[in-house]
Amino acid sequence: MKGSTIDTHMGSVAINHDVIAQYAGSVAVECFGIVGMTIAGVRDGLVRILKKDSLSKGIQVSVSASQKLVLDFHVIVAYDVSIVAVADNLINNVKYKVEEFTGLEVEKINIFVEGVRVID
């Protein structure tokens, strides 16, 4: 199991990275300016928005040498919004909510903008 472990006075709690990715994905798509998530490393130039039940495929979770979470997001942003503002909003919301949800510290959040979409 790829996961992170929290040691407490009563024992250990292991959290699978897929659980963290699914939660982080649900937080991300609620952020202003995020149209959706996409699969990392699109090769054919076609960007596909992931459905809600597969959001974790657009996020990679790893643990740094200092035992903190590193999250990589592959997102599609809305046309005519500031990518910097969207990224700042995403980083702040995800960092806060993931740390509250898991009890683990987030060291870094990397955002890869894979596409832009016009929303009606």
N, C-alpha and C. Protein backbone atom coordinates (compact mmCIF):
# COMPACT_ATOMS: atom_id res chain seq x y z
N MET A 1 0.84 -1.18 0.00
CA MET A 1 0.00 0.00 0.00
C MET A 1 0.88 1.24 0.00
N LYS A 2 0.65 2.11 -0.95
CA LYS A 2 1.32 3.41 -0.94
C LYS A 2 0.52 4.30 -0.01
N GLY A 3 1.16 4.72 1.06
CA GLY A 3 0.44 5.54 2.00
C GLY A 3 1.35 6.27 2.93
N SER A 4 0.73 7.06 3.78
CA SER A 4 1.45 7.81 4.80
C SER A 4 0.95 7.36 6.15
N THR A 5 1.84 7.38 7.13
CA THR A 5 1.51 6.89 8.45
C THR A 5 1.66 7.99 9.48
N ILE A 6 0.69 8.04 10.38
CA ILE A 6 0.73 8.96 11.52
C ILE A 6 0.84 8.09 12.77
N ASP A 7 1.85 8.35 13.58
CA ASP A 7 2.01 7.62 14.84
C ASP A 7 1.38 8.43 15.97
N THR A 8 0.53 7.77 16.74
CA THR A 8 -0.10 8.41 17.89
C THR A 8 0.25 7.61 19.15
N HIS A 9 -0.20 8.11 20.28
CA HIS A 9 0.06 7.40 21.53
C HIS A 9 -0.70 6.08 21.62
N MET A 10 -1.72 5.90 20.77
CA MET A 10 -2.51 4.68 20.80
C MET A 10 -2.17 3.72 19.66
N GLY A 11 -1.29 4.13 18.74
CA GLY A 11 -0.94 3.28 17.62
C GLY A 11 -0.68 4.09 16.37
N SER A 12 -0.74 3.43 15.23
CA SER A 12 -0.47 4.09 13.95
C SER A 12 -1.73 4.14 13.09
N VAL A 13 -1.79 5.20 12.28
CA VAL A 13 -2.87 5.36 11.32
C VAL A 13 -2.22 5.47 9.95
N ALA A 14 -2.61 4.60 9.03
CA ALA A 14 -2.07 4.62 7.67
C ALA A 14 -3.15 5.16 6.73
N ILE A 15 -2.78 6.14 5.90
CA ILE A 15 -3.71 6.73 4.94
C ILE A 15 -3.18 6.46 3.54
N ASN A 16 -3.96 5.75 2.74
CA ASN A 16 -3.59 5.43 1.38
C ASN A 16 -3.51 6.71 0.55
N HIS A 17 -2.53 6.79 -0.33
CA HIS A 17 -2.36 7.99 -1.16
C HIS A 17 -3.54 8.21 -2.10
N ASP A 18 -4.23 7.15 -2.48
CA ASP A 18 -5.43 7.31 -3.33
C ASP A 18 -6.54 8.05 -2.58
N VAL A 19 -6.63 7.83 -1.28
CA VAL A 19 -7.63 8.53 -0.47
C VAL A 19 -7.30 10.02 -0.43
N ILE A 20 -6.03 10.34 -0.22
CA ILE A 20 -5.60 11.73 -0.19
C ILE A 20 -5.84 12.38 -1.55
N ALA A 21 -5.52 11.68 -2.63
CA ALA A 21 -5.70 12.22 -3.98
C ALA A 21 -7.18 12.46 -4.28
N GLN A 22 -8.04 11.54 -3.90
CA GLN A 22 -9.48 11.70 -4.16
C GLN A 22 -10.03 12.90 -3.40
N TYR A 23 -9.64 13.04 -2.14
CA TYR A 23 -10.11 14.18 -1.35
C TYR A 23 -9.58 15.49 -1.93
N ALA A 24 -8.28 15.53 -2.23
CA ALA A 24 -7.68 16.75 -2.79
C ALA A 24 -8.33 17.12 -4.12
N GLY A 25 -8.67 16.13 -4.93
CA GLY A 25 -9.35 16.38 -6.20
C GLY A 25 -10.73 16.97 -6.01
N SER A 26 -11.46 16.48 -5.02
CA SER A 26 -12.80 17.03 -4.77
C SER A 26 -12.72 18.47 -4.27
N VAL A 27 -11.68 18.78 -3.50
CA VAL A 27 -11.46 20.16 -3.05
C VAL A 27 -11.08 21.04 -4.24
N ALA A 28 -10.22 20.53 -5.11
CA ALA A 28 -9.72 21.31 -6.25
C ALA A 28 -10.83 21.72 -7.21
N VAL A 29 -11.72 20.81 -7.54
CA VAL A 29 -12.76 21.14 -8.52
C VAL A 29 -13.79 22.12 -7.97
N GLU A 30 -13.78 22.34 -6.65
CA GLU A 30 -14.66 23.35 -6.06
C GLU A 30 -14.05 24.74 -6.11
N CYS A 31 -12.78 24.85 -6.45
CA CYS A 31 -12.09 26.14 -6.49
C CYS A 31 -12.49 26.94 -7.71
N PHE A 32 -12.57 28.26 -7.53
CA PHE A 32 -12.91 29.16 -8.63
C PHE A 32 -11.87 29.05 -9.74
N GLY A 33 -12.33 28.94 -10.97
CA GLY A 33 -11.45 28.93 -12.12
C GLY A 33 -10.98 27.55 -12.56
N ILE A 34 -11.24 26.53 -11.76
CA ILE A 34 -10.86 25.17 -12.14
C ILE A 34 -12.04 24.53 -12.86
N VAL A 35 -11.83 24.16 -14.12
CA VAL A 35 -12.88 23.50 -14.90
C VAL A 35 -12.91 22.01 -14.58
N GLY A 36 -11.73 21.43 -14.40
CA GLY A 36 -11.67 20.01 -14.09
C GLY A 36 -10.23 19.53 -13.98
N MET A 37 -10.09 18.24 -13.78
CA MET A 37 -8.79 17.59 -13.68
C MET A 37 -8.57 16.77 -14.95
N THR A 38 -7.32 16.53 -15.27
CA THR A 38 -6.98 15.71 -16.42
C THR A 38 -5.85 14.76 -16.05
N ILE A 39 -5.64 13.76 -16.86
CA ILE A 39 -4.59 12.78 -16.63
C ILE A 39 -3.23 13.43 -16.89
N ALA A 40 -2.28 13.10 -16.07
CA ALA A 40 -0.93 13.65 -16.19
C ALA A 40 -0.27 13.21 -17.49
N GLY A 41 0.50 14.12 -18.08
CA GLY A 41 1.31 13.77 -19.25
C GLY A 41 0.52 13.46 -20.49
N VAL A 42 -0.38 14.33 -20.87
CA VAL A 42 -1.16 14.13 -22.09
C VAL A 42 -0.22 14.19 -23.28
N ARG A 43 -0.18 13.12 -24.08
CA ARG A 43 0.78 13.03 -25.17
C ARG A 43 0.19 13.38 -26.54
N ASP A 44 -1.08 13.08 -26.74
CA ASP A 44 -1.66 13.30 -28.06
C ASP A 44 -2.21 14.71 -28.27
N GLY A 45 -2.08 15.58 -27.27
CA GLY A 45 -2.56 16.94 -27.38
C GLY A 45 -4.02 17.11 -27.04
N LEU A 46 -4.74 16.01 -26.86
CA LEU A 46 -6.15 16.08 -26.50
C LEU A 46 -6.27 15.98 -24.98
N VAL A 47 -6.90 16.96 -24.40
CA VAL A 47 -7.07 16.99 -22.95
C VAL A 47 -8.49 16.54 -22.63
N ARG A 48 -8.61 15.57 -21.76
CA ARG A 48 -9.93 15.05 -21.38
C ARG A 48 -10.19 15.35 -19.91
N ILE A 49 -11.35 15.88 -19.63
CA ILE A 49 -11.72 16.17 -18.25
C ILE A 49 -12.15 14.87 -17.58
N LEU A 50 -11.58 14.62 -16.41
CA LEU A 50 -11.91 13.41 -15.66
C LEU A 50 -13.26 13.55 -14.97
N LYS A 51 -13.97 12.45 -14.87
CA LYS A 51 -15.24 12.44 -14.15
C LYS A 51 -14.97 12.47 -12.65
N LYS A 52 -15.98 12.82 -11.88
CA LYS A 52 -15.80 12.96 -10.43
C LYS A 52 -15.30 11.70 -9.75
N ASP A 53 -15.65 10.54 -10.26
CA ASP A 53 -15.23 9.30 -9.61
C ASP A 53 -13.79 8.91 -9.95
N SER A 54 -13.14 9.63 -10.85
CA SER A 54 -11.74 9.31 -11.19
C SER A 54 -10.82 10.52 -11.08
N LEU A 55 -11.16 11.45 -10.20
CA LEU A 55 -10.35 12.66 -10.02
C LEU A 55 -8.94 12.35 -9.55
N SER A 56 -8.77 11.26 -8.83
CA SER A 56 -7.45 10.93 -8.27
C SER A 56 -6.42 10.64 -9.36
N LYS A 57 -6.86 10.34 -10.59
CA LYS A 57 -5.92 10.09 -11.68
C LYS A 57 -5.21 11.36 -12.13
N GLY A 58 -5.77 12.51 -11.80
CA GLY A 58 -5.16 13.78 -12.16
C GLY A 58 -4.26 14.35 -11.07
N ILE A 59 -4.06 13.57 -10.01
CA ILE A 59 -3.24 14.03 -8.89
C ILE A 59 -2.24 12.95 -8.53
N GLN A 60 -1.02 13.36 -8.30
CA GLN A 60 0.01 12.43 -7.85
C GLN A 60 0.41 12.85 -6.44
N VAL A 61 0.38 11.90 -5.53
CA VAL A 61 0.73 12.14 -4.13
C VAL A 61 2.03 11.42 -3.84
N SER A 62 2.97 12.13 -3.24
CA SER A 62 4.22 11.51 -2.81
C SER A 62 4.61 12.09 -1.46
N VAL A 63 5.63 11.49 -0.87
CA VAL A 63 6.12 11.94 0.43
C VAL A 63 7.56 12.39 0.25
N SER A 64 7.87 13.58 0.75
CA SER A 64 9.22 14.12 0.62
C SER A 64 10.16 13.47 1.64
N ALA A 65 11.43 13.80 1.54
CA ALA A 65 12.43 13.26 2.47
C ALA A 65 12.13 13.68 3.91
N SER A 66 11.45 14.82 4.08
CA SER A 66 11.10 15.28 5.42
C SER A 66 9.75 14.74 5.89
N GLN A 67 9.23 13.71 5.20
CA GLN A 67 7.98 13.03 5.56
C GLN A 67 6.76 13.95 5.49
N LYS A 68 6.75 14.85 4.52
CA LYS A 68 5.61 15.73 4.27
C LYS A 68 5.05 15.43 2.89
N LEU A 69 3.78 15.74 2.71
CA LEU A 69 3.11 15.44 1.44
C LEU A 69 3.53 16.41 0.33
N VAL A 70 3.66 15.87 -0.87
CA VAL A 70 3.88 16.66 -2.09
C VAL A 70 2.76 16.26 -3.05
N LEU A 71 1.99 17.24 -3.51
CA LEU A 71 0.86 16.98 -4.39
C LEU A 71 1.10 17.63 -5.74
N ASP A 72 0.91 16.87 -6.81
CA ASP A 72 1.00 17.37 -8.18
C ASP A 72 -0.39 17.33 -8.80
N PHE A 73 -0.89 18.49 -9.20
CA PHE A 73 -2.22 18.61 -9.81
C PHE A 73 -2.07 18.87 -11.30
N HIS A 74 -2.88 18.18 -12.10
CA HIS A 74 -2.96 18.41 -13.54
C HIS A 74 -4.38 18.91 -13.81
N VAL A 75 -4.49 20.20 -14.10
CA VAL A 75 -5.80 20.84 -14.15
C VAL A 75 -6.08 21.50 -15.49
N ILE A 76 -7.36 21.76 -15.68
CA ILE A 76 -7.84 22.56 -16.80
C ILE A 76 -8.49 23.79 -16.18
N VAL A 77 -8.07 24.97 -16.63
CA VAL A 77 -8.59 26.20 -16.05
C VAL A 77 -9.58 26.86 -17.00
N ALA A 78 -10.40 27.74 -16.43
CA ALA A 78 -11.38 28.47 -17.21
C ALA A 78 -10.69 29.55 -18.03
N TYR A 79 -11.20 29.78 -19.21
CA TYR A 79 -10.69 30.84 -20.08
C TYR A 79 -11.00 32.20 -19.46
N ASP A 80 -10.09 33.14 -19.63
CA ASP A 80 -10.27 34.52 -19.22
C ASP A 80 -10.24 34.73 -17.70
N VAL A 81 -9.52 33.88 -16.99
CA VAL A 81 -9.25 34.10 -15.57
C VAL A 81 -7.74 34.10 -15.37
N SER A 82 -7.30 34.74 -14.33
CA SER A 82 -5.87 34.79 -14.04
C SER A 82 -5.41 33.43 -13.54
N ILE A 83 -4.48 32.82 -14.27
CA ILE A 83 -3.97 31.50 -13.88
C ILE A 83 -3.26 31.60 -12.53
N VAL A 84 -2.56 32.70 -12.30
CA VAL A 84 -1.87 32.88 -11.02
C VAL A 84 -2.87 32.94 -9.86
N ALA A 85 -3.97 33.67 -10.05
CA ALA A 85 -4.99 33.77 -9.00
C ALA A 85 -5.66 32.42 -8.75
N VAL A 86 -5.94 31.68 -9.82
CA VAL A 86 -6.54 30.36 -9.69
C VAL A 86 -5.58 29.42 -8.95
N ALA A 87 -4.29 29.46 -9.32
CA ALA A 87 -3.30 28.60 -8.68
C ALA A 87 -3.14 28.93 -7.20
N ASP A 88 -3.10 30.22 -6.86
CA ASP A 88 -2.99 30.62 -5.45
C ASP A 88 -4.20 30.14 -4.65
N ASN A 89 -5.37 30.30 -5.22
CA ASN A 89 -6.60 29.86 -4.56
C ASN A 89 -6.59 28.34 -4.35
N LEU A 90 -6.19 27.61 -5.39
CA LEU A 90 -6.11 26.15 -5.30
C LEU A 90 -5.12 25.71 -4.24
N ILE A 91 -3.95 26.30 -4.24
CA ILE A 91 -2.91 25.93 -3.27
C ILE A 91 -3.40 26.19 -1.85
N ASN A 92 -3.95 27.37 -1.59
CA ASN A 92 -4.40 27.70 -0.24
C ASN A 92 -5.52 26.79 0.25
N ASN A 93 -6.52 26.57 -0.61
CA ASN A 93 -7.65 25.72 -0.21
C ASN A 93 -7.23 24.27 0.01
N VAL A 94 -6.48 23.73 -0.93
CA VAL A 94 -6.08 22.32 -0.82
C VAL A 94 -5.16 22.10 0.36
N LYS A 95 -4.19 22.98 0.55
CA LYS A 95 -3.25 22.84 1.66
C LYS A 95 -4.00 22.82 2.99
N TYR A 96 -4.87 23.79 3.19
CA TYR A 96 -5.63 23.87 4.44
C TYR A 96 -6.51 22.64 4.65
N LYS A 97 -7.30 22.29 3.64
CA LYS A 97 -8.27 21.21 3.81
C LYS A 97 -7.61 19.84 3.91
N VAL A 98 -6.55 19.59 3.15
CA VAL A 98 -5.87 18.29 3.22
C VAL A 98 -5.18 18.13 4.57
N GLU A 99 -4.56 19.19 5.06
CA GLU A 99 -3.92 19.12 6.37
C GLU A 99 -4.93 18.88 7.48
N GLU A 100 -6.10 19.53 7.39
CA GLU A 100 -7.16 19.31 8.38
C GLU A 100 -7.73 17.90 8.28
N PHE A 101 -7.90 17.40 7.08
CA PHE A 101 -8.50 16.08 6.84
C PHE A 101 -7.58 14.95 7.28
N THR A 102 -6.29 15.06 6.96
CA THR A 102 -5.37 13.95 7.20
C THR A 102 -4.52 14.09 8.45
N GLY A 103 -4.29 15.32 8.89
CA GLY A 103 -3.36 15.52 9.99
C GLY A 103 -1.91 15.51 9.55
N LEU A 104 -1.68 15.40 8.24
CA LEU A 104 -0.33 15.40 7.68
C LEU A 104 -0.02 16.78 7.11
N GLU A 105 1.23 17.18 7.17
CA GLU A 105 1.63 18.49 6.65
C GLU A 105 1.90 18.40 5.16
N VAL A 106 1.43 19.40 4.43
CA VAL A 106 1.68 19.49 2.99
C VAL A 106 2.90 20.39 2.80
N GLU A 107 3.93 19.83 2.19
CA GLU A 107 5.15 20.60 1.95
C GLU A 107 5.07 21.44 0.68
N LYS A 108 4.52 20.82 -0.38
CA LYS A 108 4.54 21.48 -1.68
C LYS A 108 3.34 21.03 -2.51
N ILE A 109 2.81 21.99 -3.27
CA ILE A 109 1.75 21.68 -4.23
C ILE A 109 2.20 22.22 -5.57
N ASN A 110 2.34 21.33 -6.54
CA ASN A 110 2.72 21.71 -7.90
C ASN A 110 1.48 21.67 -8.78
N ILE A 111 1.30 22.71 -9.58
CA ILE A 111 0.13 22.77 -10.46
C ILE A 111 0.60 22.81 -11.90
N PHE A 112 0.09 21.87 -12.69
CA PHE A 112 0.40 21.80 -14.11
C PHE A 112 -0.89 22.11 -14.87
N VAL A 113 -0.92 23.25 -15.55
CA VAL A 113 -2.09 23.62 -16.33
C VAL A 113 -1.99 22.92 -17.68
N GLU A 114 -2.86 21.96 -17.89
CA GLU A 114 -2.83 21.12 -19.10
C GLU A 114 -3.75 21.64 -20.20
N GLY A 115 -4.62 22.60 -19.86
CA GLY A 115 -5.52 23.12 -20.87
C GLY A 115 -6.36 24.26 -20.35
N VAL A 116 -7.02 24.93 -21.29
CA VAL A 116 -7.92 26.04 -20.98
C VAL A 116 -9.23 25.77 -21.69
N ARG A 117 -10.32 25.99 -20.99
CA ARG A 117 -11.66 25.77 -21.58
C ARG A 117 -12.54 26.97 -21.36
N VAL A 118 -13.38 27.25 -22.34
CA VAL A 118 -14.39 28.29 -22.22
C VAL A 118 -15.58 27.66 -21.52
N ILE A 119 -16.05 28.31 -20.47
CA ILE A 119 -17.23 27.80 -19.77
C ILE A 119 -18.40 28.75 -20.02
N ASP A 120 -19.57 28.18 -20.16
CA ASP A 120 -20.78 28.98 -20.47
C ASP A 120 -21.41 29.51 -19.22
